[in-house]
PDB file of N, CA and C in Angstrom:
ATOM      1  N   UNK A   1     -59.356  -4.579  -8.442  1.00  0.00           N
ATOM      2  CA  UNK A   1     -58.003  -4.793  -8.941  1.00  0.00           C
ATOM      3  C   UNK A   1     -57.450  -3.556  -9.642  1.00  0.00           C
ATOM      4  N   UNK A   2     -58.290  -2.871 -10.340  1.00  0.00           N
ATOM      5  CA  UNK A   2     -57.861  -1.695 -11.065  1.00  0.00           C
ATOM      6  C   UNK A   2     -57.265  -0.655 -10.115  1.00  0.00           C
ATOM      7  N   UNK A   3     -57.875  -0.496  -8.951  1.00  0.00           N
ATOM      8  CA  UNK A   3     -57.385   0.484  -7.994  1.00  0.00           C
ATOM      9  C   UNK A   3     -56.010   0.103  -7.460  1.00  0.00           C
ATOM     10  N   UNK A   4     -55.799  -1.178  -7.173  1.00  0.00           N
ATOM     11  CA  UNK A   4     -54.499  -1.608  -6.654  1.00  0.00           C
ATOM     12  C   UNK A   4     -53.411  -1.477  -7.700  1.00  0.00           C
ATOM     13  N   UNK A   5     -53.703  -1.803  -8.941  1.00  0.00           N
ATOM     14  CA  UNK A   5     -52.673  -1.691  -9.974  1.00  0.00           C
ATOM     15  C   UNK A   5     -52.234  -0.226 -10.135  1.00  0.00           C
ATOM     16  N   UNK A   6     -53.169   0.695 -10.060  1.00  0.00           N
ATOM     17  CA  UNK A   6     -52.834   2.112 -10.129  1.00  0.00           C
ATOM     18  C   UNK A   6     -51.986   2.525  -8.925  1.00  0.00           C
ATOM     19  N   UNK A   7     -52.362   2.021  -7.755  1.00  0.00           N
ATOM     20  CA  UNK A   7     -51.606   2.337  -6.538  1.00  0.00           C
ATOM     21  C   UNK A   7     -50.161   1.869  -6.671  1.00  0.00           C
ATOM     22  N   UNK A   8     -49.955   0.611  -7.093  1.00  0.00           N
ATOM     23  CA  UNK A   8     -48.598   0.078  -7.181  1.00  0.00           C
ATOM     24  C   UNK A   8     -47.814   0.731  -8.308  1.00  0.00           C
ATOM     25  N   UNK A   9     -48.476   1.149  -9.360  1.00  0.00           N
ATOM     26  CA  UNK A   9     -47.798   1.871 -10.435  1.00  0.00           C
ATOM     27  C   UNK A   9     -47.255   3.197  -9.877  1.00  0.00           C
ATOM     28  N   UNK A  10     -48.036   3.863  -9.064  1.00  0.00           N
ATOM     29  CA  UNK A  10     -47.595   5.115  -8.466  1.00  0.00           C
ATOM     30  C   UNK A  10     -46.451   4.886  -7.472  1.00  0.00           C
ATOM     31  N   UNK A  11     -46.519   3.798  -6.717  1.00  0.00           N
ATOM     32  CA  UNK A  11     -45.428   3.472  -5.787  1.00  0.00           C
ATOM     33  C   UNK A  11     -44.149   3.203  -6.564  1.00  0.00           C
ATOM     34  N   UNK A  12     -44.235   2.456  -7.650  1.00  0.00           N
ATOM     35  CA  UNK A  12     -43.049   2.175  -8.464  1.00  0.00           C
ATOM     36  C   UNK A  12     -42.468   3.453  -9.054  1.00  0.00           C
ATOM     37  N   UNK A  13     -43.334   4.350  -9.536  1.00  0.00           N
ATOM     38  CA  UNK A  13     -42.859   5.629 -10.061  1.00  0.00           C
ATOM     39  C   UNK A  13     -42.165   6.435  -8.963  1.00  0.00           C
ATOM     40  N   UNK A  14     -42.732   6.417  -7.778  1.00  0.00           N
ATOM     41  CA  UNK A  14     -42.141   7.131  -6.644  1.00  0.00           C
ATOM     42  C   UNK A  14     -40.761   6.574  -6.320  1.00  0.00           C
ATOM     43  N   UNK A  15     -40.613   5.247  -6.338  1.00  0.00           N
ATOM     44  CA  UNK A  15     -39.311   4.636  -6.048  1.00  0.00           C
ATOM     45  C   UNK A  15     -38.284   5.010  -7.107  1.00  0.00           C
ATOM     46  N   UNK A  16     -38.709   5.157  -8.352  1.00  0.00           N
ATOM     47  CA  UNK A  16     -37.775   5.547  -9.408  1.00  0.00           C
ATOM     48  C   UNK A  16     -37.257   6.968  -9.198  1.00  0.00           C
ATOM     49  N   UNK A  17     -38.067   7.811  -8.593  1.00  0.00           N
ATOM     50  CA  UNK A  17     -37.637   9.180  -8.323  1.00  0.00           C
ATOM     51  C   UNK A  17     -36.584   9.234  -7.219  1.00  0.00           C
ATOM     52  N   UNK A  18     -36.510   8.199  -6.372  1.00  0.00           N
ATOM     53  CA  UNK A  18     -35.571   8.161  -5.246  1.00  0.00           C
ATOM     54  C   UNK A  18     -34.740   6.876  -5.315  1.00  0.00           C
ATOM     55  N   UNK A  19     -33.745   6.834  -6.218  1.00  0.00           N
ATOM     56  CA  UNK A  19     -32.973   5.595  -6.412  1.00  0.00           C
ATOM     57  C   UNK A  19     -32.158   5.170  -5.193  1.00  0.00           C
ATOM     58  N   UNK A  20     -31.913   6.095  -4.265  1.00  0.00           N
ATOM     59  CA  UNK A  20     -31.155   5.721  -3.062  1.00  0.00           C
ATOM     60  C   UNK A  20     -32.053   5.027  -2.040  1.00  0.00           C
ATOM     61  N   UNK A  21     -33.309   4.872  -2.359  1.00  0.00           N
ATOM     62  CA  UNK A  21     -34.223   4.175  -1.460  1.00  0.00           C
ATOM     63  C   UNK A  21     -35.094   5.138  -0.679  1.00  0.00           C
ATOM     64  N   UNK A  22     -36.166   4.614  -0.193  1.00  0.00           N
ATOM     65  CA  UNK A  22     -37.075   5.373   0.654  1.00  0.00           C
ATOM     66  C   UNK A  22     -37.233   4.616   1.963  1.00  0.00           C
ATOM     67  N   UNK A  23     -37.503   5.350   3.005  1.00  0.00           N
ATOM     68  CA  UNK A  23     -37.714   4.726   4.309  1.00  0.00           C
ATOM     69  C   UNK A  23     -39.159   4.925   4.703  1.00  0.00           C
ATOM     70  N   UNK A  24     -39.760   3.842   5.130  1.00  0.00           N
ATOM     71  CA  UNK A  24     -41.134   3.893   5.594  1.00  0.00           C
ATOM     72  C   UNK A  24     -41.138   3.397   7.027  1.00  0.00           C
ATOM     73  N   UNK A  25     -41.735   4.148   7.903  1.00  0.00           N
ATOM     74  CA  UNK A  25     -41.832   3.751   9.298  1.00  0.00           C
ATOM     75  C   UNK A  25     -43.285   3.593   9.675  1.00  0.00           C
ATOM     76  N   UNK A  26     -43.535   2.603  10.485  1.00  0.00           N
ATOM     77  CA  UNK A  26     -44.882   2.415  10.994  1.00  0.00           C
ATOM     78  C   UNK A  26     -44.794   2.280  12.497  1.00  0.00           C
ATOM     79  N   UNK A  27     -45.407   3.212  13.168  1.00  0.00           N
ATOM     80  CA  UNK A  27     -45.423   3.144  14.621  1.00  0.00           C
ATOM     81  C   UNK A  27     -46.361   2.038  15.075  1.00  0.00           C
ATOM     82  N   UNK A  28     -45.986   1.383  16.141  1.00  0.00           N
ATOM     83  CA  UNK A  28     -46.823   0.310  16.672  1.00  0.00           C
ATOM     84  C   UNK A  28     -46.575   0.195  18.167  1.00  0.00           C
ATOM     85  N   UNK A  29     -47.570  -0.272  18.878  1.00  0.00           N
ATOM     86  CA  UNK A  29     -47.358  -0.522  20.298  1.00  0.00           C
ATOM     87  C   UNK A  29     -46.729  -1.905  20.456  1.00  0.00           C
ATOM     88  N   UNK A  30     -46.317  -2.239  21.672  1.00  0.00           N
ATOM     89  CA  UNK A  30     -45.616  -3.496  21.923  1.00  0.00           C
ATOM     90  C   UNK A  30     -46.481  -4.708  21.574  1.00  0.00           C
ATOM     91  N   UNK A  31     -47.762  -4.653  21.877  1.00  0.00           N
ATOM     92  CA  UNK A  31     -48.654  -5.773  21.574  1.00  0.00           C
ATOM     93  C   UNK A  31     -48.688  -6.044  20.076  1.00  0.00           C
ATOM     94  N   UNK A  32     -48.808  -5.000  19.282  1.00  0.00           N
ATOM     95  CA  UNK A  32     -48.835  -5.146  17.832  1.00  0.00           C
ATOM     96  C   UNK A  32     -47.521  -5.724  17.316  1.00  0.00           C
ATOM     97  N   UNK A  33     -46.410  -5.233  17.853  1.00  0.00           N
ATOM     98  CA  UNK A  33     -45.100  -5.723  17.442  1.00  0.00           C
ATOM     99  C   UNK A  33     -44.942  -7.204  17.770  1.00  0.00           C
ATOM    100  N   UNK A  34     -45.341  -7.609  18.962  1.00  0.00           N
ATOM    101  CA  UNK A  34     -45.229  -9.008  19.355  1.00  0.00           C
ATOM    102  C   UNK A  34     -46.090  -9.906  18.480  1.00  0.00           C
ATOM    103  N   UNK A  35     -47.258  -9.447  18.113  1.00  0.00           N
ATOM    104  CA  UNK A  35     -48.131 -10.238  17.237  1.00  0.00           C
ATOM    105  C   UNK A  35     -47.553 -10.325  15.832  1.00  0.00           C
ATOM    106  N   UNK A  36     -46.912  -9.254  15.383  1.00  0.00           N
ATOM    107  CA  UNK A  36     -46.341  -9.243  14.040  1.00  0.00           C
ATOM    108  C   UNK A  36     -45.222 -10.259  13.899  1.00  0.00           C
ATOM    109  N   UNK A  37     -44.347 -10.343  14.885  1.00  0.00           N
ATOM    110  CA  UNK A  37     -43.199 -11.247  14.800  1.00  0.00           C
ATOM    111  C   UNK A  37     -43.437 -12.585  15.503  1.00  0.00           C
ATOM    112  N   UNK A  38     -44.619 -12.758  16.090  1.00  0.00           N
ATOM    113  CA  UNK A  38     -44.991 -14.013  16.775  1.00  0.00           C
ATOM    114  C   UNK A  38     -44.011 -14.385  17.880  1.00  0.00           C
ATOM    115  N   UNK A  39     -43.538 -13.401  18.626  1.00  0.00           N
ATOM    116  CA  UNK A  39     -42.618 -13.626  19.740  1.00  0.00           C
ATOM    117  C   UNK A  39     -42.927 -12.654  20.852  1.00  0.00           C
ATOM    118  N   UNK A  40     -42.575 -13.043  22.065  1.00  0.00           N
ATOM    119  CA  UNK A  40     -42.799 -12.179  23.222  1.00  0.00           C
ATOM    120  C   UNK A  40     -44.230 -12.268  23.694  1.00  0.00           C
ATOM    121  N   UNK A  41     -44.470 -11.720  24.855  1.00  0.00           N
ATOM    122  CA  UNK A  41     -45.820 -11.726  25.394  1.00  0.00           C
ATOM    123  C   UNK A  41     -45.937 -12.644  26.598  1.00  0.00           C
ATOM    124  N   UNK A  42     -47.117 -13.176  26.800  1.00  0.00           N
ATOM    125  CA  UNK A  42     -47.401 -14.012  27.966  1.00  0.00           C
ATOM    126  C   UNK A  42     -46.578 -15.293  27.930  1.00  0.00           C
ATOM    127  N   UNK A  43     -45.859 -15.546  29.003  1.00  0.00           N
ATOM    128  CA  UNK A  43     -44.972 -16.709  29.031  1.00  0.00           C
ATOM    129  C   UNK A  43     -45.725 -18.034  29.100  1.00  0.00           C
ATOM    130  N   UNK A  44     -47.000 -18.005  29.474  1.00  0.00           N
ATOM    131  CA  UNK A  44     -47.776 -19.247  29.460  1.00  0.00           C
ATOM    132  C   UNK A  44     -48.034 -19.697  28.025  1.00  0.00           C
ATOM    133  N   UNK A  45     -48.076 -18.734  27.109  1.00  0.00           N
ATOM    134  CA  UNK A  45     -48.445 -19.030  25.721  1.00  0.00           C
ATOM    135  C   UNK A  45     -47.289 -18.995  24.744  1.00  0.00           C
ATOM    136  N   UNK A  46     -46.220 -18.315  25.061  1.00  0.00           N
ATOM    137  CA  UNK A  46     -45.115 -18.121  24.121  1.00  0.00           C
ATOM    138  C   UNK A  46     -43.861 -18.821  24.610  1.00  0.00           C
ATOM    139  N   UNK A  47     -43.072 -19.335  23.669  1.00  0.00           N
ATOM    140  CA  UNK A  47     -41.837 -20.027  24.015  1.00  0.00           C
ATOM    141  C   UNK A  47     -40.670 -19.060  24.202  1.00  0.00           C
ATOM    142  N   UNK A  48     -40.756 -17.880  23.579  1.00  0.00           N
ATOM    143  CA  UNK A  48     -39.663 -16.921  23.658  1.00  0.00           C
ATOM    144  C   UNK A  48     -40.138 -15.674  24.401  1.00  0.00           C
ATOM    145  N   UNK A  49     -39.359 -15.289  25.394  1.00  0.00           N
ATOM    146  CA  UNK A  49     -39.749 -14.187  26.273  1.00  0.00           C
ATOM    147  C   UNK A  49     -39.704 -12.844  25.573  1.00  0.00           C
ATOM    148  N   UNK A  50     -38.796 -12.679  24.651  1.00  0.00           N
ATOM    149  CA  UNK A  50     -38.562 -11.379  24.041  1.00  0.00           C
ATOM    150  C   UNK A  50     -38.848 -11.448  22.547  1.00  0.00           C
ATOM    151  N   UNK A  51     -39.362 -10.376  21.994  1.00  0.00           N
ATOM    152  CA  UNK A  51     -39.668 -10.347  20.569  1.00  0.00           C
ATOM    153  C   UNK A  51     -38.413 -10.192  19.714  1.00  0.00           C
ATOM    154  N   UNK A  52     -37.290  -9.795  20.302  1.00  0.00           N
ATOM    155  CA  UNK A  52     -36.105  -9.514  19.492  1.00  0.00           C
ATOM    156  C   UNK A  52     -34.893 -10.385  19.825  1.00  0.00           C
ATOM    157  N   UNK A  53     -35.045 -11.396  20.644  1.00  0.00           N
ATOM    158  CA  UNK A  53     -33.890 -12.252  20.925  1.00  0.00           C
ATOM    159  C   UNK A  53     -34.330 -13.704  21.078  1.00  0.00           C
ATOM    160  N   UNK A  54     -33.364 -14.580  21.305  1.00  0.00           N
ATOM    161  CA  UNK A  54     -33.644 -16.017  21.306  1.00  0.00           C
ATOM    162  C   UNK A  54     -33.642 -16.637  22.705  1.00  0.00           C
ATOM    163  N   UNK A  55     -34.045 -15.888  23.704  1.00  0.00           N
ATOM    164  CA  UNK A  55     -34.095 -16.413  25.063  1.00  0.00           C
ATOM    165  C   UNK A  55     -35.372 -17.233  25.233  1.00  0.00           C
ATOM    166  N   UNK A  56     -35.206 -18.509  25.515  1.00  0.00           N
ATOM    167  CA  UNK A  56     -36.343 -19.415  25.700  1.00  0.00           C
ATOM    168  C   UNK A  56     -36.908 -19.256  27.110  1.00  0.00           C
ATOM    169  N   UNK A  57     -38.201 -19.414  27.237  1.00  0.00           N
ATOM    170  CA  UNK A  57     -38.847 -19.193  28.539  1.00  0.00           C
ATOM    171  C   UNK A  57     -38.310 -20.136  29.621  1.00  0.00           C
ATOM    172  N   UNK A  58     -37.914 -21.338  29.264  1.00  0.00           N
ATOM    173  CA  UNK A  58     -37.397 -22.279  30.264  1.00  0.00           C
ATOM    174  C   UNK A  58     -36.037 -21.840  30.809  1.00  0.00           C
ATOM    175  N   UNK A  59     -35.303 -21.065  30.029  1.00  0.00           N
ATOM    176  CA  UNK A  59     -33.987 -20.594  30.475  1.00  0.00           C
ATOM    177  C   UNK A  59     -34.081 -19.423  31.450  1.00  0.00           C
ATOM    178  N   UNK A  60     -35.215 -18.758  31.488  1.00  0.00           N
ATOM    179  CA  UNK A  60     -35.357 -17.576  32.346  1.00  0.00           C
ATOM    180  C   UNK A  60     -35.440 -17.914  33.827  1.00  0.00           C
ATOM    181  N   UNK A  61     -35.820 -19.131  34.168  1.00  0.00           N
ATOM    182  CA  UNK A  61     -36.000 -19.495  35.573  1.00  0.00           C
ATOM    183  C   UNK A  61     -34.765 -20.130  36.188  1.00  0.00           C
ATOM    184  N   UNK A  62     -33.694 -20.252  35.406  1.00  0.00           N
ATOM    185  CA  UNK A  62     -32.459 -20.868  35.891  1.00  0.00           C
ATOM    186  C   UNK A  62     -31.474 -19.758  36.252  1.00  0.00           C
ATOM    187  N   UNK A  63     -31.067 -19.683  37.528  1.00  0.00           N
ATOM    188  CA  UNK A  63     -30.105 -18.625  37.897  1.00  0.00           C
ATOM    189  C   UNK A  63     -28.732 -18.912  37.306  1.00  0.00           C
ATOM    190  N   UNK A  64     -27.984 -17.863  37.074  1.00  0.00           N
ATOM    191  CA  UNK A  64     -26.623 -18.012  36.548  1.00  0.00           C
ATOM    192  C   UNK A  64     -25.718 -18.620  37.608  1.00  0.00           C
ATOM    193  N   UNK A  65     -24.759 -19.431  37.176  1.00  0.00           N
ATOM    194  CA  UNK A  65     -23.764 -19.990  38.096  1.00  0.00           C
ATOM    195  C   UNK A  65     -22.850 -18.892  38.626  1.00  0.00           C
ATOM    196  N   UNK A  66     -22.536 -17.951  37.767  1.00  0.00           N
ATOM    197  CA  UNK A  66     -21.679 -16.827  38.128  1.00  0.00           C
ATOM    198  C   UNK A  66     -22.487 -15.552  37.904  1.00  0.00           C
ATOM    199  N   UNK A  67     -22.573 -14.673  38.894  1.00  0.00           N
ATOM    200  CA  UNK A  67     -23.333 -13.425  38.706  1.00  0.00           C
ATOM    201  C   UNK A  67     -22.770 -12.587  37.561  1.00  0.00           C
ATOM    202  N   UNK A  68     -23.639 -11.846  36.914  1.00  0.00           N
ATOM    203  CA  UNK A  68     -23.209 -10.974  35.818  1.00  0.00           C
ATOM    204  C   UNK A  68     -22.361  -9.827  36.373  1.00  0.00           C
ATOM    205  N   UNK A  69     -21.767  -9.056  35.477  1.00  0.00           N
ATOM    206  CA  UNK A  69     -20.880  -7.969  35.917  1.00  0.00           C
ATOM    207  C   UNK A  69     -21.640  -6.900  36.702  1.00  0.00           C
ATOM    208  N   UNK A  70     -22.899  -6.644  36.322  1.00  0.00           N
ATOM    209  CA  UNK A  70     -23.677  -5.642  37.057  1.00  0.00           C
ATOM    210  C   UNK A  70     -23.979  -6.106  38.479  1.00  0.00           C
ATOM    211  N   UNK A  71     -24.385  -7.356  38.650  1.00  0.00           N
ATOM    212  CA  UNK A  71     -24.671  -7.869  39.997  1.00  0.00           C
ATOM    213  C   UNK A  71     -23.409  -7.884  40.848  1.00  0.00           C
ATOM    214  N   UNK A  72     -22.286  -8.227  40.234  1.00  0.00           N
ATOM    215  CA  UNK A  72     -21.018  -8.228  40.957  1.00  0.00           C
ATOM    216  C   UNK A  72     -20.637  -6.804  41.367  1.00  0.00           C
ATOM    217  N   UNK A  73     -20.770  -5.870  40.432  1.00  0.00           N
ATOM    218  CA  UNK A  73     -20.432  -4.466  40.702  1.00  0.00           C
ATOM    219  C   UNK A  73     -21.299  -3.891  41.815  1.00  0.00           C
ATOM    220  N   UNK A  74     -22.571  -4.285  41.848  1.00  0.00           N
ATOM    221  CA  UNK A  74     -23.497  -3.760  42.856  1.00  0.00           C
ATOM    222  C   UNK A  74     -23.504  -4.585  44.149  1.00  0.00           C
ATOM    223  N   UNK A  75     -22.661  -5.629  44.184  1.00  0.00           N
ATOM    224  CA  UNK A  75     -22.545  -6.514  45.352  1.00  0.00           C
ATOM    225  C   UNK A  75     -23.894  -7.140  45.732  1.00  0.00           C
ATOM    226  N   UNK A  76     -24.653  -7.541  44.725  1.00  0.00           N
ATOM    227  CA  UNK A  76     -25.932  -8.201  44.985  1.00  0.00           C
ATOM    228  C   UNK A  76     -25.678  -9.666  45.304  1.00  0.00           C
ATOM    229  N   UNK A  77     -26.230 -10.119  46.404  1.00  0.00           N
ATOM    230  CA  UNK A  77     -25.958 -11.486  46.858  1.00  0.00           C
ATOM    231  C   UNK A  77     -27.061 -12.464  46.476  1.00  0.00           C
ATOM    232  N   UNK A  78     -28.198 -11.968  46.030  1.00  0.00           N
ATOM    233  CA  UNK A  78     -29.267 -12.886  45.630  1.00  0.00           C
ATOM    234  C   UNK A  78     -28.942 -13.501  44.265  1.00  0.00           C
ATOM    235  N   UNK A  79     -29.766 -14.396  43.800  1.00  0.00           N
ATOM    236  CA  UNK A  79     -29.514 -15.068  42.520  1.00  0.00           C
ATOM    237  C   UNK A  79     -29.563 -14.082  41.361  1.00  0.00           C
ATOM    238  N   UNK A  80     -28.696 -14.286  40.397  1.00  0.00           N
ATOM    239  CA  UNK A  80     -28.634 -13.445  39.203  1.00  0.00           C
ATOM    240  C   UNK A  80     -29.314 -14.181  38.052  1.00  0.00           C
ATOM    241  N   UNK A  81     -30.311 -13.538  37.452  1.00  0.00           N
ATOM    242  CA  UNK A  81     -31.042 -14.127  36.326  1.00  0.00           C
ATOM    243  C   UNK A  81     -30.807 -13.349  35.029  1.00  0.00           C
ATOM    244  N   UNK A  82     -29.866 -12.420  35.029  1.00  0.00           N
ATOM    245  CA  UNK A  82     -29.634 -11.596  33.848  1.00  0.00           C
ATOM    246  C   UNK A  82     -29.093 -12.442  32.704  1.00  0.00           C
ATOM    247  N   UNK A  83     -29.560 -12.136  31.503  1.00  0.00           N
ATOM    248  CA  UNK A  83     -29.137 -12.855  30.305  1.00  0.00           C
ATOM    249  C   UNK A  83     -28.710 -11.854  29.239  1.00  0.00           C
ATOM    250  N   UNK A  84     -27.812 -12.277  28.387  1.00  0.00           N
ATOM    251  CA  UNK A  84     -27.442 -11.450  27.235  1.00  0.00           C
ATOM    252  C   UNK A  84     -28.644 -11.392  26.289  1.00  0.00           C
ATOM    253  N   UNK A  85     -28.826 -10.255  25.648  1.00  0.00           N
ATOM    254  CA  UNK A  85     -29.970 -10.089  24.759  1.00  0.00           C
ATOM    255  C   UNK A  85     -29.816 -10.930  23.494  1.00  0.00           C
ATOM    256  N   UNK A  86     -28.603 -11.036  22.995  1.00  0.00           N
ATOM    257  CA  UNK A  86     -28.390 -11.878  21.817  1.00  0.00           C
ATOM    258  C   UNK A  86     -27.004 -12.509  21.925  1.00  0.00           C
ATOM    259  N   UNK A  87     -26.753 -13.470  21.062  1.00  0.00           N
ATOM    260  CA  UNK A  87     -25.453 -14.122  21.065  1.00  0.00           C
ATOM    261  C   UNK A  87     -24.968 -14.267  19.625  1.00  0.00           C
ATOM    262  N   UNK A  88     -23.819 -14.895  19.446  1.00  0.00           N
ATOM    263  CA  UNK A  88     -23.242 -15.019  18.105  1.00  0.00           C
ATOM    264  C   UNK A  88     -24.140 -15.832  17.178  1.00  0.00           C
ATOM    265  N   UNK A  89     -24.805 -16.865  17.712  1.00  0.00           N
ATOM    266  CA  UNK A  89     -25.699 -17.672  16.877  1.00  0.00           C
ATOM    267  C   UNK A  89     -26.865 -16.832  16.359  1.00  0.00           C
ATOM    268  N   UNK A  90     -27.422 -16.016  17.227  1.00  0.00           N
ATOM    269  CA  UNK A  90     -28.544 -15.163  16.831  1.00  0.00           C
ATOM    270  C   UNK A  90     -28.104 -14.152  15.771  1.00  0.00           C
ATOM    271  N   UNK A  91     -26.959 -13.550  15.985  1.00  0.00           N
ATOM    272  CA  UNK A  91     -26.443 -12.579  15.004  1.00  0.00           C
ATOM    273  C   UNK A  91     -26.157 -13.254  13.670  1.00  0.00           C
ATOM    274  N   UNK A  92     -25.584 -14.459  13.696  1.00  0.00           N
ATOM    275  CA  UNK A  92     -25.316 -15.196  12.453  1.00  0.00           C
ATOM    276  C   UNK A  92     -26.621 -15.491  11.720  1.00  0.00           C
ATOM    277  N   UNK A  93     -27.659 -15.849  12.476  1.00  0.00           N
ATOM    278  CA  UNK A  93     -28.959 -16.114  11.859  1.00  0.00           C
ATOM    279  C   UNK A  93     -29.515 -14.848  11.201  1.00  0.00           C
ATOM    280  N   UNK A  94     -29.395 -13.696  11.892  1.00  0.00           N
ATOM    281  CA  UNK A  94     -29.874 -12.445  11.324  1.00  0.00           C
ATOM    282  C   UNK A  94     -29.105 -12.073  10.055  1.00  0.00           C
ATOM    283  N   UNK A  95     -27.798 -12.294  10.058  1.00  0.00           N
ATOM    284  CA  UNK A  95     -26.997 -11.985   8.878  1.00  0.00           C
ATOM    285  C   UNK A  95     -27.375 -12.894   7.713  1.00  0.00           C
ATOM    286  N   UNK A  96     -27.676 -14.157   8.003  1.00  0.00           N
ATOM    287  CA  UNK A  96     -28.121 -15.088   6.966  1.00  0.00           C
ATOM    288  C   UNK A  96     -29.477 -14.651   6.397  1.00  0.00           C
ATOM    289  N   UNK A  97     -30.380 -14.237   7.280  1.00  0.00           N
ATOM    290  CA  UNK A  97     -31.693 -13.748   6.832  1.00  0.00           C
ATOM    291  C   UNK A  97     -31.529 -12.515   5.939  1.00  0.00           C
ATOM    292  N   UNK A  98     -30.630 -11.611   6.326  1.00  0.00           N
ATOM    293  CA  UNK A  98     -30.403 -10.417   5.519  1.00  0.00           C
ATOM    294  C   UNK A  98     -29.852 -10.794   4.149  1.00  0.00           C
ATOM    295  N   UNK A  99     -28.921 -11.733   4.094  1.00  0.00           N
ATOM    296  CA  UNK A  99     -28.359 -12.165   2.812  1.00  0.00           C
ATOM    297  C   UNK A  99     -29.451 -12.727   1.900  1.00  0.00           C
ATOM    298  N   UNK A 100     -30.371 -13.493   2.468  1.00  0.00           N
ATOM    299  CA  UNK A 100     -31.475 -14.025   1.672  1.00  0.00           C
ATOM    300  C   UNK A 100     -32.385 -12.909   1.169  1.00  0.00           C
ATOM    301  N   UNK A 101     -32.637 -11.931   2.023  1.00  0.00           N
ATOM    302  CA  UNK A 101     -33.466 -10.803   1.603  1.00  0.00           C
ATOM    303  C   UNK A 101     -32.798  -9.994   0.497  1.00  0.00           C
ATOM    304  N   UNK A 102     -31.479  -9.805   0.598  1.00  0.00           N
ATOM    305  CA  UNK A 102     -30.754  -9.041  -0.413  1.00  0.00           C
ATOM    306  C   UNK A 102     -30.803  -9.754  -1.758  1.00  0.00           C
ATOM    307  N   UNK A 103     -30.790 -11.090  -1.748  1.00  0.00           N
ATOM    308  CA  UNK A 103     -30.909 -11.834  -3.002  1.00  0.00           C
ATOM    309  C   UNK A 103     -32.229 -11.520  -3.697  1.00  0.00           C
ATOM    310  N   UNK A 104     -33.290 -11.428  -2.915  1.00  0.00           N
ATOM    311  CA  UNK A 104     -34.611 -11.158  -3.473  1.00  0.00           C
ATOM    312  C   UNK A 104     -34.844  -9.676  -3.738  1.00  0.00           C
ATOM    313  N   UNK A 105     -34.239  -8.827  -2.910  1.00  0.00           N
ATOM    314  CA  UNK A 105     -34.452  -7.379  -2.997  1.00  0.00           C
ATOM    315  C   UNK A 105     -33.101  -6.671  -3.012  1.00  0.00           C
ATOM    316  N   UNK A 106     -32.428  -6.644  -4.173  1.00  0.00           N
ATOM    317  CA  UNK A 106     -31.072  -6.078  -4.245  1.00  0.00           C
ATOM    318  C   UNK A 106     -30.970  -4.624  -3.784  1.00  0.00           C
ATOM    319  N   UNK A 107     -32.056  -3.873  -3.835  1.00  0.00           N
ATOM    320  CA  UNK A 107     -31.997  -2.474  -3.405  1.00  0.00           C
ATOM    321  C   UNK A 107     -31.656  -2.346  -1.918  1.00  0.00           C
ATOM    322  N   UNK A 108     -31.778  -3.436  -1.169  1.00  0.00           N
ATOM    323  CA  UNK A 108     -31.424  -3.386   0.252  1.00  0.00           C
ATOM    324  C   UNK A 108     -29.932  -3.152   0.463  1.00  0.00           C
ATOM    325  N   UNK A 109     -29.132  -3.413  -0.571  1.00  0.00           N
ATOM    326  CA  UNK A 109     -27.693  -3.146  -0.454  1.00  0.00           C
ATOM    327  C   UNK A 109     -27.412  -1.662  -0.262  1.00  0.00           C
ATOM    328  N   UNK A 110     -28.365  -0.830  -0.658  1.00  0.00           N
ATOM    329  CA  UNK A 110     -28.195   0.609  -0.489  1.00  0.00           C
ATOM    330  C   UNK A 110     -28.431   1.047   0.954  1.00  0.00           C
ATOM    331  N   UNK A 111     -29.057   0.194   1.751  1.00  0.00           N
ATOM    332  CA  UNK A 111     -29.357   0.527   3.133  1.00  0.00           C
ATOM    333  C   UNK A 111     -28.136   0.243   3.996  1.00  0.00           C
ATOM    334  N   UNK A 112     -27.832   1.105   4.948  1.00  0.00           N
ATOM    335  CA  UNK A 112     -26.657   0.891   5.798  1.00  0.00           C
ATOM    336  C   UNK A 112     -26.829  -0.364   6.672  1.00  0.00           C
ATOM    337  N   UNK A 113     -25.745  -1.090   6.833  1.00  0.00           N
ATOM    338  CA  UNK A 113     -25.745  -2.285   7.673  1.00  0.00           C
ATOM    339  C   UNK A 113     -24.435  -2.309   8.423  1.00  0.00           C
ATOM    340  N   UNK A 114     -24.499  -2.207   9.719  1.00  0.00           N
ATOM    341  CA  UNK A 114     -23.297  -2.140  10.530  1.00  0.00           C
ATOM    342  C   UNK A 114     -22.888  -3.536  10.960  1.00  0.00           C
ATOM    343  N   UNK A 115     -21.669  -3.918  10.630  1.00  0.00           N
ATOM    344  CA  UNK A 115     -21.127  -5.211  11.052  1.00  0.00           C
ATOM    345  C   UNK A 115     -20.070  -4.948  12.100  1.00  0.00           C
ATOM    346  N   UNK A 116     -20.128  -5.716  13.172  1.00  0.00           N
ATOM    347  CA  UNK A 116     -19.143  -5.533  14.248  1.00  0.00           C
ATOM    348  C   UNK A 116     -18.258  -6.732  14.354  1.00  0.00           C
TER     349      UNK A 116
END
């Protein structure tokens, strides 16, 4: 415990030196990322095909009634299975999650957040 308390004391001192915030990046491969967020991966085992959006695996096998703009532009006559990566509901959920995080960690207000 003594070692961890010293470590966190040093981290806190470091954060005080940089009041505008610090950025920490951790590189990871796709497998690690999928395990971290519990999404994406083998469709036999996971309900969501992608780690960053809300596309359910059952929706991936249903062709679109109307081809997407790319399929139309390319004059593709086979079935179109293209899906939007996210939708308004997903974005609203992310914004709600961010608001909850900001309540707990006010320093996140210093981080840029682009709203469209």
